[in-house]
Amino acid sequence: MKRLKLPEDSQLTAHVEEIKLQHVQNALDEFKSLYRDLDRNSVSRESLAQVYQQDLVFEDSFHCIEGLDAYVAYCESLYEHVRSIDFKFHDEWLKPDSAMLTWTM
């Protein structure tokens, strides 16, 4: 009978952190893809639900919007008269449980 050599705890922890970071990176890539393609024809609950949870809170200098349905309504009214919009993404920071990115609209 052969004994398997199990990884050290530190190796296992590092591997788990790597998997978490990849998951966060994938979510960030989906977010950027959504906003690169978003326009008045594609803004919908279905498209926004790909990157936002039901209990989202969107806050900027002018608004505090709570919930996915309220955010969808906000985006639909915002994009209703938009002819062209472009998001340029700049810096991004990743942690195993969060991410942040900067962009110019």
N, C-alpha and C. Protein backbone atom coordinates (compact mmCIF):
# COMPACT_ATOMS: atom_id res chain seq x y z
N MET A 1 0.83 -1.16 0.00
CA MET A 1 0.00 0.00 0.00
C MET A 1 0.89 1.24 0.00
N LYS A 2 0.58 2.16 -0.90
CA LYS A 2 1.34 3.39 -1.01
C LYS A 2 0.67 4.50 -0.21
N ARG A 3 1.46 5.28 0.46
CA ARG A 3 0.92 6.43 1.18
C ARG A 3 1.05 7.67 0.30
N LEU A 4 0.00 8.44 0.28
CA LEU A 4 0.03 9.69 -0.46
C LEU A 4 0.66 10.78 0.39
N LYS A 5 1.46 11.60 -0.25
CA LYS A 5 2.02 12.74 0.45
C LYS A 5 1.08 13.92 0.26
N LEU A 6 0.52 14.38 1.34
CA LEU A 6 -0.40 15.52 1.29
C LEU A 6 0.38 16.82 1.36
N PRO A 7 -0.13 17.87 0.73
CA PRO A 7 0.58 19.14 0.78
C PRO A 7 0.58 19.71 2.20
N GLU A 8 1.59 20.50 2.47
CA GLU A 8 1.67 21.21 3.75
C GLU A 8 0.50 22.18 3.84
N ASP A 9 0.15 22.53 5.06
CA ASP A 9 -0.95 23.49 5.26
C ASP A 9 -0.69 24.80 4.51
N SER A 10 0.54 25.28 4.54
CA SER A 10 0.86 26.54 3.87
C SER A 10 0.70 26.42 2.35
N GLN A 11 1.04 25.26 1.80
CA GLN A 11 0.87 25.04 0.36
C GLN A 11 -0.61 25.00 0.01
N LEU A 12 -1.39 24.34 0.85
CA LEU A 12 -2.83 24.24 0.62
C LEU A 12 -3.48 25.62 0.71
N THR A 13 -3.09 26.39 1.72
CA THR A 13 -3.62 27.74 1.89
C THR A 13 -3.28 28.60 0.68
N ALA A 14 -2.04 28.52 0.21
CA ALA A 14 -1.62 29.30 -0.96
C ALA A 14 -2.42 28.89 -2.19
N HIS A 15 -2.69 27.61 -2.34
CA HIS A 15 -3.47 27.13 -3.48
C HIS A 15 -4.91 27.64 -3.42
N VAL A 16 -5.51 27.62 -2.24
CA VAL A 16 -6.87 28.12 -2.06
C VAL A 16 -6.92 29.61 -2.39
N GLU A 17 -5.93 30.37 -1.92
CA GLU A 17 -5.88 31.81 -2.21
C GLU A 17 -5.74 32.06 -3.71
N GLU A 18 -4.96 31.24 -4.38
CA GLU A 18 -4.80 31.36 -5.83
C GLU A 18 -6.12 31.11 -6.55
N ILE A 19 -6.86 30.12 -6.11
CA ILE A 19 -8.17 29.82 -6.71
C ILE A 19 -9.14 30.98 -6.47
N LYS A 20 -9.13 31.53 -5.27
CA LYS A 20 -10.00 32.67 -4.96
C LYS A 20 -9.65 33.87 -5.83
N LEU A 21 -8.36 34.15 -5.99
CA LEU A 21 -7.93 35.27 -6.83
C LEU A 21 -8.38 35.08 -8.27
N GLN A 22 -8.31 33.86 -8.77
CA GLN A 22 -8.75 33.59 -10.14
C GLN A 22 -10.25 33.83 -10.27
N HIS A 23 -11.01 33.44 -9.26
CA HIS A 23 -12.45 33.67 -9.26
C HIS A 23 -12.76 35.18 -9.29
N VAL A 24 -12.05 35.94 -8.47
CA VAL A 24 -12.23 37.40 -8.45
C VAL A 24 -11.84 38.00 -9.79
N GLN A 25 -10.73 37.53 -10.38
CA GLN A 25 -10.31 38.03 -11.69
C GLN A 25 -11.37 37.74 -12.75
N ASN A 26 -11.94 36.55 -12.73
CA ASN A 26 -13.00 36.20 -13.69
C ASN A 26 -14.21 37.13 -13.53
N ALA A 27 -14.59 37.40 -12.29
CA ALA A 27 -15.73 38.30 -12.03
C ALA A 27 -15.42 39.71 -12.54
N LEU A 28 -14.20 40.17 -12.32
CA LEU A 28 -13.79 41.49 -12.80
C LEU A 28 -13.80 41.55 -14.32
N ASP A 29 -13.34 40.50 -14.96
CA ASP A 29 -13.36 40.44 -16.43
C ASP A 29 -14.79 40.47 -16.97
N GLU A 30 -15.72 39.78 -16.30
CA GLU A 30 -17.13 39.81 -16.70
C GLU A 30 -17.70 41.22 -16.54
N PHE A 31 -17.33 41.89 -15.45
CA PHE A 31 -17.79 43.26 -15.20
C PHE A 31 -17.32 44.19 -16.31
N LYS A 32 -16.04 44.12 -16.65
CA LYS A 32 -15.50 44.99 -17.70
C LYS A 32 -16.15 44.67 -19.05
N SER A 33 -16.35 43.41 -19.33
CA SER A 33 -16.99 43.02 -20.58
C SER A 33 -18.41 43.58 -20.67
N LEU A 34 -19.15 43.49 -19.57
CA LEU A 34 -20.51 44.03 -19.55
C LEU A 34 -20.51 45.51 -19.92
N TYR A 35 -19.66 46.29 -19.27
CA TYR A 35 -19.68 47.73 -19.51
C TYR A 35 -19.06 48.13 -20.84
N ARG A 36 -18.20 47.32 -21.39
CA ARG A 36 -17.68 47.60 -22.74
C ARG A 36 -18.79 47.47 -23.78
N ASP A 37 -19.71 46.53 -23.55
CA ASP A 37 -20.76 46.23 -24.52
C ASP A 37 -22.11 46.87 -24.21
N LEU A 38 -22.26 47.43 -23.02
CA LEU A 38 -23.57 47.92 -22.58
C LEU A 38 -24.00 49.14 -23.39
N ASP A 39 -25.23 49.10 -23.87
CA ASP A 39 -25.85 50.24 -24.54
C ASP A 39 -27.36 50.18 -24.31
N ARG A 40 -28.09 51.10 -24.89
CA ARG A 40 -29.54 51.15 -24.62
C ARG A 40 -30.28 49.91 -25.09
N ASN A 41 -29.70 49.16 -26.03
CA ASN A 41 -30.34 47.94 -26.51
C ASN A 41 -30.02 46.71 -25.66
N SER A 42 -28.93 46.78 -24.92
CA SER A 42 -28.52 45.60 -24.16
C SER A 42 -28.71 45.74 -22.65
N VAL A 43 -28.99 46.94 -22.16
CA VAL A 43 -29.19 47.10 -20.73
C VAL A 43 -30.48 46.39 -20.32
N SER A 44 -30.34 45.45 -19.39
CA SER A 44 -31.49 44.67 -18.94
C SER A 44 -31.18 44.05 -17.59
N ARG A 45 -32.21 43.55 -16.96
CA ARG A 45 -32.00 42.86 -15.68
C ARG A 45 -31.09 41.65 -15.88
N GLU A 46 -31.32 40.94 -16.96
CA GLU A 46 -30.52 39.74 -17.25
C GLU A 46 -29.04 40.08 -17.41
N SER A 47 -28.73 41.13 -18.17
CA SER A 47 -27.32 41.48 -18.38
C SER A 47 -26.67 41.98 -17.10
N LEU A 48 -27.36 42.80 -16.33
CA LEU A 48 -26.78 43.34 -15.09
C LEU A 48 -26.68 42.28 -14.00
N ALA A 49 -27.60 41.32 -14.00
CA ALA A 49 -27.57 40.25 -12.98
C ALA A 49 -26.37 39.32 -13.18
N GLN A 50 -25.71 39.41 -14.31
CA GLN A 50 -24.51 38.61 -14.53
C GLN A 50 -23.37 39.05 -13.62
N VAL A 51 -23.37 40.32 -13.21
CA VAL A 51 -22.26 40.82 -12.39
C VAL A 51 -22.70 41.42 -11.06
N TYR A 52 -23.99 41.63 -10.87
CA TYR A 52 -24.48 42.23 -9.62
C TYR A 52 -25.39 41.27 -8.88
N GLN A 53 -25.31 41.33 -7.56
CA GLN A 53 -26.20 40.54 -6.72
C GLN A 53 -27.48 41.33 -6.46
N GLN A 54 -28.51 40.62 -6.03
CA GLN A 54 -29.82 41.22 -5.76
C GLN A 54 -29.73 42.36 -4.75
N ASP A 55 -28.85 42.25 -3.77
CA ASP A 55 -28.79 43.24 -2.69
C ASP A 55 -27.72 44.32 -2.91
N LEU A 56 -27.41 44.63 -4.17
CA LEU A 56 -26.38 45.62 -4.46
C LEU A 56 -26.76 46.99 -3.92
N VAL A 57 -25.75 47.77 -3.62
CA VAL A 57 -25.92 49.18 -3.26
C VAL A 57 -25.00 49.96 -4.18
N PHE A 58 -25.60 50.84 -5.00
CA PHE A 58 -24.84 51.70 -5.90
C PHE A 58 -24.89 53.10 -5.32
N GLU A 59 -23.71 53.66 -5.10
CA GLU A 59 -23.65 54.98 -4.50
C GLU A 59 -22.64 55.83 -5.26
N ASP A 60 -23.09 57.01 -5.67
CA ASP A 60 -22.17 57.99 -6.25
C ASP A 60 -22.49 59.35 -5.65
N SER A 61 -21.97 60.41 -6.20
CA SER A 61 -22.19 61.74 -5.64
C SER A 61 -23.65 62.19 -5.69
N PHE A 62 -24.44 61.58 -6.55
CA PHE A 62 -25.82 62.03 -6.77
C PHE A 62 -26.88 61.04 -6.31
N HIS A 63 -26.54 59.77 -6.17
CA HIS A 63 -27.54 58.74 -5.93
C HIS A 63 -27.09 57.73 -4.87
N CYS A 64 -28.07 57.12 -4.26
CA CYS A 64 -27.85 55.91 -3.47
C CYS A 64 -28.99 54.98 -3.86
N ILE A 65 -28.65 53.96 -4.63
CA ILE A 65 -29.65 53.04 -5.18
C ILE A 65 -29.45 51.69 -4.53
N GLU A 66 -30.51 51.15 -3.98
CA GLU A 66 -30.42 49.86 -3.29
C GLU A 66 -31.25 48.81 -4.01
N GLY A 67 -30.62 47.70 -4.32
CA GLY A 67 -31.31 46.58 -4.94
C GLY A 67 -31.11 46.53 -6.44
N LEU A 68 -31.06 45.32 -6.96
CA LEU A 68 -30.83 45.11 -8.38
C LEU A 68 -31.95 45.72 -9.23
N ASP A 69 -33.20 45.53 -8.83
CA ASP A 69 -34.31 46.06 -9.64
C ASP A 69 -34.25 47.58 -9.75
N ALA A 70 -33.92 48.26 -8.67
CA ALA A 70 -33.81 49.72 -8.69
C ALA A 70 -32.63 50.15 -9.57
N TYR A 71 -31.54 49.39 -9.51
CA TYR A 71 -30.37 49.72 -10.34
C TYR A 71 -30.66 49.50 -11.82
N VAL A 72 -31.39 48.44 -12.14
CA VAL A 72 -31.78 48.18 -13.53
C VAL A 72 -32.64 49.33 -14.04
N ALA A 73 -33.62 49.76 -13.26
CA ALA A 73 -34.48 50.89 -13.66
C ALA A 73 -33.65 52.15 -13.88
N TYR A 74 -32.70 52.39 -12.99
CA TYR A 74 -31.81 53.55 -13.12
C TYR A 74 -31.02 53.47 -14.43
N CYS A 75 -30.41 52.31 -14.71
CA CYS A 75 -29.61 52.15 -15.92
C CYS A 75 -30.47 52.26 -17.18
N GLU A 76 -31.66 51.68 -17.14
CA GLU A 76 -32.55 51.77 -18.31
C GLU A 76 -32.89 53.22 -18.62
N SER A 77 -33.19 54.01 -17.60
CA SER A 77 -33.51 55.43 -17.85
C SER A 77 -32.27 56.20 -18.25
N LEU A 78 -31.12 55.85 -17.69
CA LEU A 78 -29.86 56.52 -18.01
C LEU A 78 -29.45 56.26 -19.46
N TYR A 79 -29.59 55.02 -19.90
CA TYR A 79 -29.15 54.64 -21.24
C TYR A 79 -30.20 54.91 -22.32
N GLU A 80 -31.39 55.29 -21.92
CA GLU A 80 -32.48 55.49 -22.89
C GLU A 80 -32.10 56.46 -24.01
N HIS A 81 -31.39 57.53 -23.69
CA HIS A 81 -31.06 58.54 -24.69
C HIS A 81 -29.57 58.58 -25.04
N VAL A 82 -28.83 57.59 -24.58
CA VAL A 82 -27.39 57.54 -24.86
C VAL A 82 -27.18 57.01 -26.27
N ARG A 83 -26.45 57.77 -27.05
CA ARG A 83 -26.12 57.32 -28.41
C ARG A 83 -24.79 56.57 -28.43
N SER A 84 -23.87 57.01 -27.58
CA SER A 84 -22.56 56.39 -27.56
C SER A 84 -21.95 56.57 -26.18
N ILE A 85 -21.30 55.53 -25.70
CA ILE A 85 -20.61 55.59 -24.41
C ILE A 85 -19.43 54.64 -24.47
N ASP A 86 -18.36 55.04 -23.82
CA ASP A 86 -17.15 54.23 -23.86
C ASP A 86 -16.53 54.20 -22.47
N PHE A 87 -16.20 53.03 -21.99
CA PHE A 87 -15.53 52.85 -20.71
C PHE A 87 -14.09 52.43 -21.00
N LYS A 88 -13.16 53.18 -20.46
CA LYS A 88 -11.74 52.81 -20.54
C LYS A 88 -11.30 52.43 -19.14
N PHE A 89 -10.88 51.19 -18.99
CA PHE A 89 -10.47 50.67 -17.69
C PHE A 89 -8.97 50.88 -17.52
N HIS A 90 -8.59 51.26 -16.31
CA HIS A 90 -7.19 51.59 -16.04
C HIS A 90 -6.60 50.58 -15.04
N ASP A 91 -6.51 50.96 -13.79
CA ASP A 91 -5.88 50.12 -12.78
C ASP A 91 -6.87 49.17 -12.13
N GLU A 92 -6.35 48.03 -11.70
CA GLU A 92 -7.18 47.10 -10.94
C GLU A 92 -6.35 46.50 -9.80
N TRP A 93 -7.02 46.28 -8.69
CA TRP A 93 -6.42 45.67 -7.52
C TRP A 93 -7.28 44.49 -7.13
N LEU A 94 -6.64 43.38 -6.85
CA LEU A 94 -7.36 42.15 -6.51
C LEU A 94 -6.92 41.63 -5.16
N LYS A 95 -7.90 41.15 -4.41
CA LYS A 95 -7.67 40.39 -3.19
C LYS A 95 -8.54 39.14 -3.33
N PRO A 96 -8.30 38.12 -2.52
CA PRO A 96 -9.09 36.89 -2.65
C PRO A 96 -10.59 37.09 -2.41
N ASP A 97 -10.98 38.18 -1.75
CA ASP A 97 -12.39 38.38 -1.46
C ASP A 97 -12.96 39.70 -1.99
N SER A 98 -12.16 40.45 -2.76
CA SER A 98 -12.64 41.73 -3.27
C SER A 98 -11.76 42.22 -4.41
N ALA A 99 -12.25 43.25 -5.08
CA ALA A 99 -11.50 43.86 -6.17
C ALA A 99 -11.90 45.31 -6.30
N MET A 100 -11.03 46.08 -6.94
CA MET A 100 -11.33 47.48 -7.21
C MET A 100 -10.69 47.81 -8.56
N LEU A 101 -11.37 48.63 -9.34
CA LEU A 101 -10.78 49.07 -10.58
C LEU A 101 -11.15 50.52 -10.84
N THR A 102 -10.32 51.18 -11.61
CA THR A 102 -10.62 52.57 -11.99
C THR A 102 -10.93 52.60 -13.46
N TRP A 103 -11.74 53.57 -13.86
CA TRP A 103 -12.08 53.70 -15.27
C TRP A 103 -12.44 55.14 -15.58
N THR A 104 -12.43 55.43 -16.84
CA THR A 104 -12.89 56.72 -17.37
C THR A 104 -14.07 56.42 -18.27
N MET A 105 -15.13 57.18 -18.11
CA MET A 105 -16.32 56.98 -18.93
C MET A 105 -16.41 58.11 -19.93
